[in-house]
Amino acid sequence: MFALLHAPVLAAAPLLVAGVANGCGNALTFAMMQRIIPEHARGRVFGLAMALFGLANPLGALAAGAFLPVLPLWWAWALGALASLLVAAGLRRWIPLTIDGTTPAAATLQA
């Protein structure tokens, strides 16, 4: 972001918006996980999720670093966005909403 915008104040605004959006997304994701995952499995699932999130960040940086010498910067952003969309679509399709594979009642999600 700072490389594309010459004024640090202009670059800070989109970074602030992205940070707030990321924080909101994380809070909503973990709230939904807490509602869906049975209490006896939460520790393991949250531990696994945090390990995977911790692993995904450096792997994404490694992938971006591998693409930057051969592709323009905007291609790296586009490939990252495409990968995120594909992962989200795959997770939505293949991971059940609950541990036993059933869909939680609408009242459970709204509570």
C-alpha atoms as a PDB file:
ATOM      1  CA  MET A   1       0.000   0.000   0.000  1.00  0.00           C
ATOM      2  CA  PHE A   2       2.753   2.448   0.920  1.00  0.00           C
ATOM      3  CA  ALA A   3       4.544   1.695  -2.348  1.00  0.00           C
ATOM      4  CA  LEU A   4       1.499   2.698  -4.396  1.00  0.00           C
ATOM      5  CA  LEU A   5       0.602   5.895  -2.518  1.00  0.00           C
ATOM      6  CA  HIS A   6       3.280   8.508  -1.918  1.00  0.00           C
ATOM      7  CA  ALA A   7       1.606  10.223   1.024  1.00  0.00           C
ATOM      8  CA  PRO A   8       1.656   8.091   4.200  1.00  0.00           C
ATOM      9  CA  VAL A   9      -1.629   9.623   5.361  1.00  0.00           C
ATOM     10  CA  LEU A  10      -3.363   8.469   2.167  1.00  0.00           C
ATOM     11  CA  ALA A  11      -1.925   4.968   2.592  1.00  0.00           C
ATOM     12  CA  ALA A  12      -2.911   4.773   6.263  1.00  0.00           C
ATOM     13  CA  ALA A  13      -6.638   5.243   5.557  1.00  0.00           C
ATOM     14  CA  PRO A  14      -7.119   2.051   3.481  1.00  0.00           C
ATOM     15  CA  LEU A  15      -4.921   0.143   5.916  1.00  0.00           C
ATOM     16  CA  LEU A  16      -7.123   1.298   8.793  1.00  0.00           C
ATOM     17  CA  VAL A  17     -10.265   0.223   6.931  1.00  0.00           C
ATOM     18  CA  ALA A  18      -8.714  -3.161   6.106  1.00  0.00           C
ATOM     19  CA  GLY A  19      -7.669  -3.656   9.725  1.00  0.00           C
ATOM     20  CA  VAL A  20     -11.124  -2.846  11.059  1.00  0.00           C
ATOM     21  CA  ALA A  21     -12.740  -5.153   8.477  1.00  0.00           C
ATOM     22  CA  ASN A  22     -10.317  -7.932   9.408  1.00  0.00           C
ATOM     23  CA  GLY A  23     -11.102  -7.495  13.101  1.00  0.00           C
ATOM     24  CA  CYS A  24     -14.851  -7.634  12.442  1.00  0.00           C
ATOM     25  CA  GLY A  25     -14.452 -10.710  10.273  1.00  0.00           C
ATOM     26  CA  ASN A  26     -12.369 -12.480  12.910  1.00  0.00           C
ATOM     27  CA  ALA A  27     -14.859 -11.688  15.668  1.00  0.00           C
ATOM     28  CA  LEU A  28     -17.787 -12.957  13.595  1.00  0.00           C
ATOM     29  CA  THR A  29     -15.911 -16.083  12.513  1.00  0.00           C
ATOM     30  CA  PHE A  30     -14.946 -17.067  16.040  1.00  0.00           C
ATOM     31  CA  ALA A  31     -18.419 -16.266  17.383  1.00  0.00           C
ATOM     32  CA  MET A  32     -19.960 -18.567  14.789  1.00  0.00           C
ATOM     33  CA  MET A  33     -17.381 -21.255  15.527  1.00  0.00           C
ATOM     34  CA  GLN A  34     -18.178 -21.009  19.218  1.00  0.00           C
ATOM     35  CA  ARG A  35     -21.891 -21.479  18.545  1.00  0.00           C
ATOM     36  CA  ILE A  36     -21.456 -24.363  16.120  1.00  0.00           C
ATOM     37  CA  ILE A  37     -18.666 -26.421  17.710  1.00  0.00           C
ATOM     38  CA  PRO A  38     -19.642 -28.585  20.683  1.00  0.00           C
ATOM     39  CA  GLU A  39     -18.102 -27.480  23.966  1.00  0.00           C
ATOM     40  CA  HIS A  40     -16.007 -30.634  24.389  1.00  0.00           C
ATOM     41  CA  ALA A  41     -14.272 -30.074  21.008  1.00  0.00           C
ATOM     42  CA  ARG A  42     -13.791 -26.294  21.083  1.00  0.00           C
ATOM     43  CA  GLY A  43     -10.269 -26.329  22.477  1.00  0.00           C
ATOM     44  CA  ARG A  44      -8.997 -28.680  19.792  1.00  0.00           C
ATOM     45  CA  VAL A  45     -10.822 -26.900  16.970  1.00  0.00           C
ATOM     46  CA  PHE A  46      -9.743 -23.418  18.058  1.00  0.00           C
ATOM     47  CA  GLY A  47      -6.167 -24.651  18.506  1.00  0.00           C
ATOM     48  CA  LEU A  48      -6.164 -26.163  15.036  1.00  0.00           C
ATOM     49  CA  ALA A  49      -7.714 -23.011  13.550  1.00  0.00           C
ATOM     50  CA  MET A  50      -5.091 -20.779  15.155  1.00  0.00           C
ATOM     51  CA  ALA A  51      -2.296 -23.094  13.977  1.00  0.00           C
ATOM     52  CA  LEU A  52      -3.643 -23.034  10.417  1.00  0.00           C
ATOM     53  CA  PHE A  53      -4.095 -19.242  10.469  1.00  0.00           C
ATOM     54  CA  GLY A  54      -0.547 -18.887  11.772  1.00  0.00           C
ATOM     55  CA  LEU A  55       0.757 -21.133   8.997  1.00  0.00           C
ATOM     56  CA  ALA A  56      -1.275 -19.527   6.208  1.00  0.00           C
ATOM     57  CA  ASN A  57       0.195 -16.048   6.707  1.00  0.00           C
ATOM     58  CA  PRO A  58       3.850 -16.936   5.996  1.00  0.00           C
ATOM     59  CA  LEU A  59       2.806 -19.297   3.199  1.00  0.00           C
ATOM     60  CA  GLY A  60       0.899 -16.448   1.552  1.00  0.00           C
ATOM     61  CA  ALA A  61       3.923 -14.187   1.880  1.00  0.00           C
ATOM     62  CA  LEU A  62       6.112 -16.915   0.369  1.00  0.00           C
ATOM     63  CA  ALA A  63       3.728 -17.354  -2.561  1.00  0.00           C
ATOM     64  CA  ALA A  64       3.556 -13.596  -3.154  1.00  0.00           C
ATOM     65  CA  GLY A  65       7.348 -13.387  -3.049  1.00  0.00           C
ATOM     66  CA  ALA A  66       7.601 -16.180  -5.606  1.00  0.00           C
ATOM     67  CA  PHE A  67       5.216 -14.430  -8.014  1.00  0.00           C
ATOM     68  CA  LEU A  68       6.598 -10.898  -7.716  1.00  0.00           C
ATOM     69  CA  PRO A  69       9.767 -11.430  -9.827  1.00  0.00           C
ATOM     70  CA  VAL A  70       7.756 -12.802 -12.759  1.00  0.00           C
ATOM     71  CA  LEU A  71       4.394 -11.022 -12.545  1.00  0.00           C
ATOM     72  CA  PRO A  72       3.341  -7.405 -12.057  1.00  0.00           C
ATOM     73  CA  LEU A  73       2.298  -6.414  -8.542  1.00  0.00           C
ATOM     74  CA  TRP A  74      -1.405  -6.234  -9.396  1.00  0.00           C
ATOM     75  CA  TRP A  75      -1.287  -9.878 -10.580  1.00  0.00           C
ATOM     76  CA  ALA A  76      -0.035 -10.939  -7.151  1.00  0.00           C
ATOM     77  CA  TRP A  77      -3.003  -9.111  -5.574  1.00  0.00           C
ATOM     78  CA  ALA A  78      -5.419 -10.653  -8.089  1.00  0.00           C
ATOM     79  CA  LEU A  79      -4.064 -14.176  -7.534  1.00  0.00           C
ATOM     80  CA  GLY A  80      -4.287 -13.720  -3.774  1.00  0.00           C
ATOM     81  CA  ALA A  81      -7.892 -12.557  -4.047  1.00  0.00           C
ATOM     82  CA  LEU A  82      -8.769 -15.453  -6.352  1.00  0.00           C
ATOM     83  CA  ALA A  83      -7.140 -17.954  -3.984  1.00  0.00           C
ATOM     84  CA  SER A  84      -9.092 -16.493  -1.056  1.00  0.00           C
ATOM     85  CA  LEU A  85     -12.376 -16.775  -2.940  1.00  0.00           C
ATOM     86  CA  LEU A  86     -11.663 -20.351  -3.991  1.00  0.00           C
ATOM     87  CA  VAL A  87     -10.750 -21.375  -0.449  1.00  0.00           C
ATOM     88  CA  ALA A  88     -13.897 -19.715   0.928  1.00  0.00           C
ATOM     89  CA  ALA A  89     -16.084 -21.431  -1.665  1.00  0.00           C
ATOM     90  CA  GLY A  90     -14.410 -24.766  -0.978  1.00  0.00           C
ATOM     91  CA  LEU A  91     -14.824 -24.424   2.761  1.00  0.00           C
ATOM     92  CA  ARG A  92     -18.478 -23.497   2.398  1.00  0.00           C
ATOM     93  CA  ARG A  93     -19.134 -26.510   0.209  1.00  0.00           C
ATOM     94  CA  TRP A  94     -17.067 -29.215   1.905  1.00  0.00           C
ATOM     95  CA  ILE A  95     -16.957 -28.404   5.626  1.00  0.00           C
ATOM     96  CA  PRO A  96     -20.183 -29.210   7.461  1.00  0.00           C
ATOM     97  CA  LEU A  97     -21.744 -26.514   9.580  1.00  0.00           C
ATOM     98  CA  THR A  98     -21.559 -28.716  12.677  1.00  0.00           C
ATOM     99  CA  ILE A  99     -19.279 -31.509  13.816  1.00  0.00           C
ATOM    100  CA  ASP A 100     -21.876 -34.233  13.130  1.00  0.00           C
ATOM    101  CA  GLY A 101     -22.656 -32.870   9.643  1.00  0.00           C
ATOM    102  CA  THR A 102     -26.099 -31.503  10.385  1.00  0.00           C
ATOM    103  CA  THR A 103     -27.192 -27.968   9.747  1.00  0.00           C
ATOM    104  CA  PRO A 104     -27.806 -26.050  12.957  1.00  0.00           C
ATOM    105  CA  ALA A 105     -31.303 -24.725  13.541  1.00  0.00           C
ATOM    106  CA  ALA A 106     -31.888 -21.171  12.421  1.00  0.00           C
ATOM    107  CA  ALA A 107     -32.685 -20.234  16.007  1.00  0.00           C
ATOM    108  CA  THR A 108     -29.235 -21.408  17.109  1.00  0.00           C
ATOM    109  CA  LEU A 109     -27.507 -19.104  14.635  1.00  0.00           C
ATOM    110  CA  GLN A 110     -29.742 -16.162  15.469  1.00  0.00           C
ATOM    111  CA  ALA A 111     -29.449 -16.503  19.261  1.00  0.00           C
END
